[in-house]
Amino acid sequence: MLSSKSNAQRAHSTEKIQSRQVAQLNHNTTIKNIVLVHGAFADGSSWNKTIAILQTHGYHVIAVQNPLTSLEDDVAATRRAIALMNGPVLLVGHSYGGVVISVAGNDPKVAALVYVCALIPNDNESVVDITKKDPNAPGSAEIKPDTSGFLSLTYKGIHSFFAQDLSASQRDILYATQTPWAAVATTAKVKNAAWKSKPSWCIIGLNDHMVTPHLARAEAKMLHAKSIELKTSHVPMLSQPKQVADFIMEASEQ
């Protein structure tokens, strides 16, 4: 009993310390820890170009490798990455990663959120609920199920709607290396979305055919987020990594 009580006290003390660290960021302290969360049909390497820029500027960066087997599994992977960081964290999510960070972002170490061409849920919303607001997104028709309950993008989907501003060879690699996404992840509801209590930032892709500007602007308005619009496809971290890194660094300094 004493050991259990002691462990609870230590956990409470650790959470209080983390909360104080986050509170101190109100005094213009730069967040030096960045956790990057990829979306569906991708993996952590989708952030490689952005990581290199952030590291050059002295940031500590971890790119999560989401299994994409369920929202719960992806949130758990993200929480493990957050736990590895010493101090406050800026949590960045791309595409479906926006749903993941809206849950994992409730961690007391997370100081702020950056959404990159992301799906952003309100409370009691799932990916399916979000995409119903944007039924005419051209890329949606190219998401195909397999017999095991996983979703993938077609060759046309990658080349014409997901990453159309990359070279043909880069698009071929993305198609060959895409990680299938469990369909069950699309119906999981989010409770207590983290953006309701954390400062949030948004990148909108003007040529995004997966999360269209129409939806992305509505999401940014919902969050009261500072946003920028880039002339990119759904993957600005690959096509315009400097602009994405600059925006992340700007968010880290607020």
Protein backbone atom coordinates (compact mmCIF):
# COMPACT_ATOMS: atom_id res chain seq x y z
CA MET A 1 0.00 0.00 0.00
CA LEU A 2 2.80 2.38 0.88
CA SER A 3 4.56 1.62 -2.40
CA SER A 4 1.35 2.20 -4.36
CA LYS A 5 0.76 5.50 -2.60
CA SER A 6 4.36 6.55 -3.18
CA ASN A 7 4.10 5.76 -6.90
CA ALA A 8 0.89 7.78 -7.17
CA GLN A 9 2.53 10.72 -5.41
CA ARG A 10 5.53 10.59 -7.74
CA ALA A 11 3.27 10.45 -10.80
CA HIS A 12 1.25 13.41 -9.52
CA SER A 13 4.45 15.34 -8.82
CA THR A 14 5.79 14.61 -12.32
CA GLU A 15 2.54 15.81 -13.91
CA LYS A 16 2.66 19.01 -11.86
CA ILE A 17 6.24 19.67 -12.99
CA GLN A 18 5.26 19.09 -16.63
CA SER A 19 2.28 21.41 -16.27
CA ARG A 20 4.51 24.14 -14.81
CA GLN A 21 6.93 23.71 -17.70
CA VAL A 22 4.10 24.18 -20.19
CA ALA A 23 2.76 27.19 -18.29
CA GLN A 24 6.17 28.84 -18.46
CA LEU A 25 5.87 28.91 -22.26
CA ASN A 26 3.49 31.84 -21.94
CA HIS A 27 6.62 33.92 -21.43
CA ASN A 28 7.89 33.49 -25.01
CA THR A 29 10.05 30.44 -24.28
CA THR A 30 10.91 28.51 -27.43
CA ILE A 31 9.74 24.90 -27.48
CA LYS A 32 12.76 22.85 -28.57
CA ASN A 33 11.09 19.42 -28.67
CA ILE A 34 9.12 18.54 -31.80
CA VAL A 35 7.13 15.34 -32.28
CA LEU A 36 5.96 14.75 -35.86
CA VAL A 37 3.00 12.46 -36.52
CA HIS A 38 2.41 11.10 -40.03
CA GLY A 39 -0.95 10.31 -41.51
CA ALA A 40 -2.52 7.48 -43.48
CA PHE A 41 -0.73 5.86 -46.45
CA ALA A 42 2.62 7.11 -45.12
CA ASP A 43 5.25 6.58 -42.44
CA GLY A 44 7.69 8.65 -40.40
CA SER A 45 10.04 9.10 -43.36
CA SER A 46 7.51 11.50 -44.89
CA TRP A 47 8.98 14.07 -42.49
CA ASN A 48 12.64 13.50 -43.45
CA LYS A 49 13.17 16.79 -45.29
CA THR A 50 11.51 18.82 -42.54
CA ILE A 51 13.44 16.97 -39.82
CA ALA A 52 16.78 17.88 -41.40
CA ILE A 53 15.90 21.59 -41.37
CA LEU A 54 14.61 21.54 -37.79
CA GLN A 55 17.70 19.70 -36.55
CA THR A 56 19.93 22.27 -38.22
CA HIS A 57 18.21 24.88 -36.05
CA GLY A 58 18.84 22.96 -32.85
CA TYR A 59 15.47 21.26 -32.37
CA HIS A 60 15.07 17.82 -30.84
CA VAL A 61 12.84 15.90 -33.24
CA ILE A 62 11.12 12.53 -33.17
CA ALA A 63 9.00 11.25 -36.06
CA VAL A 64 6.46 8.74 -34.81
CA GLN A 65 6.04 5.45 -36.66
CA ASN A 66 2.31 4.94 -36.42
CA PRO A 67 1.19 1.34 -37.02
CA LEU A 68 -2.05 2.64 -38.57
CA THR A 69 -3.86 -0.35 -37.07
CA SER A 70 -6.31 1.68 -34.98
CA LEU A 71 -6.65 5.18 -33.58
CA GLU A 72 -5.89 3.77 -30.14
CA ASP A 73 -2.65 2.16 -31.36
CA ASP A 74 -1.54 5.32 -33.15
CA VAL A 75 -2.23 7.48 -30.10
CA ALA A 76 -0.23 5.04 -27.97
CA ALA A 77 2.74 5.25 -30.37
CA THR A 78 2.58 9.03 -30.26
CA ARG A 79 2.42 9.09 -26.47
CA ARG A 80 5.54 6.92 -26.32
CA ALA A 81 7.38 9.46 -28.46
CA ILE A 82 6.19 12.35 -26.28
CA ALA A 83 7.42 10.49 -23.19
CA LEU A 84 10.93 10.34 -24.66
CA MET A 85 11.18 14.13 -24.76
CA ASN A 86 12.62 16.10 -21.86
CA GLY A 87 10.41 19.14 -21.43
CA PRO A 88 7.50 20.75 -23.31
CA VAL A 89 6.60 19.40 -26.73
CA LEU A 90 5.19 20.90 -29.93
CA LEU A 91 3.04 18.17 -31.46
CA VAL A 92 2.64 18.23 -35.24
CA GLY A 93 0.18 16.09 -37.20
CA HIS A 94 -0.25 15.58 -40.94
CA SER A 95 -3.51 14.39 -42.54
CA TYR A 96 -5.02 11.63 -40.34
CA GLY A 97 -2.22 12.51 -37.91
CA GLY A 98 -4.38 15.51 -37.04
CA VAL A 99 -6.88 13.13 -35.46
CA VAL A 100 -4.09 11.35 -33.59
CA ILE A 101 -2.64 14.56 -32.11
CA SER A 102 -6.11 15.75 -31.14
CA VAL A 103 -6.14 12.84 -28.69
CA ALA A 104 -2.46 12.48 -27.78
CA GLY A 105 -2.21 16.27 -27.44
CA ASN A 106 -3.95 16.10 -24.08
CA ASP A 107 -0.67 14.88 -22.61
CA PRO A 108 0.49 17.51 -20.07
CA LYS A 109 3.88 17.78 -21.81
CA VAL A 110 2.25 19.01 -25.03
CA ALA A 111 2.31 22.80 -25.16
CA ALA A 112 0.86 23.43 -28.61
CA LEU A 113 -0.38 21.73 -31.77
CA VAL A 114 0.40 22.20 -35.46
CA TYR A 115 -1.94 20.69 -38.05
CA VAL A 116 -0.53 20.14 -41.56
CA CYS A 117 -3.15 19.55 -44.27
CA ALA A 118 -4.93 17.70 -41.51
CA LEU A 119 -8.23 16.18 -40.58
CA ILE A 120 -9.24 17.89 -37.33
CA PRO A 121 -12.04 16.39 -35.24
CA ASN A 122 -14.41 18.10 -32.89
CA ASP A 123 -15.61 16.15 -29.86
CA ASN A 124 -17.49 12.96 -30.73
CA GLU A 125 -16.27 13.04 -34.33
CA SER A 126 -14.42 10.38 -36.32
CA VAL A 127 -12.54 10.52 -39.61
CA VAL A 128 -15.76 9.47 -41.35
CA ASP A 129 -17.64 12.33 -39.69
CA ILE A 130 -15.01 14.87 -40.75
CA THR A 131 -14.86 13.74 -44.36
CA LYS A 132 -18.65 13.96 -44.67
CA LYS A 133 -18.15 17.73 -44.48
CA ASP A 134 -16.07 17.55 -47.66
CA PRO A 135 -17.70 14.83 -49.79
CA ASN A 136 -16.25 16.10 -53.06
CA ALA A 137 -12.57 15.77 -52.16
CA PRO A 138 -11.18 14.27 -55.40
CA GLY A 139 -8.78 11.88 -53.71
CA SER A 140 -11.42 10.15 -51.62
CA ALA A 141 -12.60 7.99 -54.52
CA GLU A 142 -9.10 6.53 -54.86
CA ILE A 143 -9.04 5.06 -51.34
CA LYS A 144 -9.71 1.34 -51.78
CA PRO A 145 -10.29 -1.43 -49.20
CA ASP A 146 -8.65 -4.85 -49.26
CA THR A 147 -10.08 -8.11 -47.95
CA SER A 148 -8.36 -7.69 -44.57
CA GLY A 149 -10.04 -4.44 -43.57
CA PHE A 150 -7.22 -2.10 -44.59
CA LEU A 151 -7.33 0.88 -46.94
CA SER A 152 -4.77 1.96 -49.55
CA LEU A 153 -4.49 4.64 -52.19
CA THR A 154 -4.51 3.64 -55.84
CA TYR A 155 -1.66 4.51 -58.18
CA LYS A 156 -3.84 7.27 -59.61
CA GLY A 157 -4.62 8.47 -56.10
CA ILE A 158 -0.96 8.95 -55.24
CA HIS A 159 0.01 10.46 -58.58
CA SER A 160 -2.97 12.74 -59.22
CA PHE A 161 -4.38 13.65 -55.81
CA PHE A 162 -1.99 12.87 -52.94
CA ALA A 163 1.39 14.15 -54.12
CA GLN A 164 0.89 15.59 -57.59
CA ASP A 165 3.54 18.30 -57.10
CA LEU A 166 6.35 15.79 -56.55
CA SER A 167 8.40 14.22 -59.34
CA ALA A 168 7.09 11.05 -60.95
CA SER A 169 9.88 9.01 -59.37
CA GLN A 170 9.06 10.38 -55.91
CA ARG A 171 5.40 9.54 -56.42
CA ASP A 172 6.31 6.02 -57.49
CA ILE A 173 8.26 5.57 -54.25
CA LEU A 174 5.34 6.87 -52.17
CA TYR A 175 3.02 4.42 -53.89
CA ALA A 176 5.40 1.51 -53.34
CA THR A 177 6.03 2.31 -49.67
CA GLN A 178 2.59 3.44 -48.48
CA THR A 179 1.40 1.89 -45.23
CA PRO A 180 -2.14 0.48 -45.39
CA TRP A 181 -4.58 2.09 -42.98
CA ALA A 182 -7.01 0.06 -40.88
CA ALA A 183 -10.60 0.95 -41.70
CA VAL A 184 -11.49 0.73 -37.99
CA ALA A 185 -9.38 3.84 -37.41
CA THR A 186 -11.79 5.87 -39.52
CA THR A 187 -14.79 5.27 -37.25
CA ALA A 188 -13.20 5.81 -33.83
CA LYS A 189 -14.69 8.86 -32.09
CA VAL A 190 -12.52 11.51 -30.44
CA LYS A 191 -13.36 12.69 -26.94
CA ASN A 192 -12.03 15.92 -25.45
CA ALA A 193 -10.16 17.22 -28.51
CA ALA A 194 -6.83 18.67 -27.38
CA TRP A 195 -7.09 21.80 -29.53
CA LYS A 196 -9.81 23.06 -27.20
CA SER A 197 -7.21 23.63 -24.49
CA LYS A 198 -3.94 24.05 -26.44
CA PRO A 199 -2.78 26.79 -28.85
CA SER A 200 -3.12 25.52 -32.41
CA TRP A 201 -1.66 26.32 -35.83
CA CYS A 202 -2.72 25.14 -39.30
CA ILE A 203 -1.11 24.71 -42.71
CA ILE A 204 -3.57 24.65 -45.61
CA GLY A 205 -2.61 23.23 -49.02
CA LEU A 206 -4.23 25.21 -51.82
CA ASN A 207 -3.86 22.26 -54.21
CA ASP A 208 -4.72 19.62 -51.63
CA HIS A 209 -7.15 17.09 -53.12
CA MET A 210 -7.38 14.96 -49.96
CA VAL A 211 -8.19 17.64 -47.35
CA THR A 212 -9.44 20.42 -49.58
CA PRO A 213 -8.92 24.12 -48.81
CA HIS A 214 -12.67 24.41 -48.18
CA LEU A 215 -12.49 21.92 -45.31
CA ALA A 216 -9.09 23.05 -44.05
CA ARG A 217 -10.18 26.69 -43.78
CA ALA A 218 -13.32 25.69 -41.88
CA GLU A 219 -11.17 23.66 -39.50
CA ALA A 220 -8.76 26.54 -38.90
CA LYS A 221 -11.72 28.80 -38.17
CA MET A 222 -13.12 26.25 -35.72
CA LEU A 223 -9.78 26.20 -33.87
CA HIS A 224 -9.27 29.98 -34.01
CA ALA A 225 -5.84 28.95 -35.25
CA LYS A 226 -3.16 30.98 -36.93
CA SER A 227 -2.86 29.51 -40.41
CA ILE A 228 -0.89 29.82 -43.63
CA GLU A 229 -1.84 28.74 -47.12
CA LEU A 230 0.77 27.12 -49.35
CA LYS A 231 0.50 26.28 -53.05
CA THR A 232 1.07 22.60 -52.43
CA SER A 233 -0.50 19.20 -52.69
CA HIS A 234 -1.45 17.14 -49.63
CA VAL A 235 2.23 16.64 -48.73
CA PRO A 236 3.83 20.08 -48.23
CA MET A 237 6.47 18.61 -45.91
CA LEU A 238 7.85 16.87 -49.01
CA SER A 239 7.20 19.50 -51.68
CA GLN A 240 7.88 22.63 -49.57
CA PRO A 241 9.79 21.41 -46.49
CA LYS A 242 11.39 24.77 -45.74
CA GLN A 243 8.05 26.55 -45.56
CA VAL A 244 6.67 23.82 -43.30
CA ALA A 245 9.74 23.89 -41.06
CA ASP A 246 9.63 27.69 -40.86
CA PHE A 247 5.99 27.58 -39.77
CA ILE A 248 6.71 24.93 -37.15
CA MET A 249 9.58 27.01 -35.81
CA GLU A 250 7.36 30.09 -35.71
CA ALA A 251 4.78 28.15 -33.69
CA SER A 252 7.50 26.92 -31.34
CA GLU A 253 8.44 30.49 -30.44
CA GLN A 254 4.98 31.71 -29.42
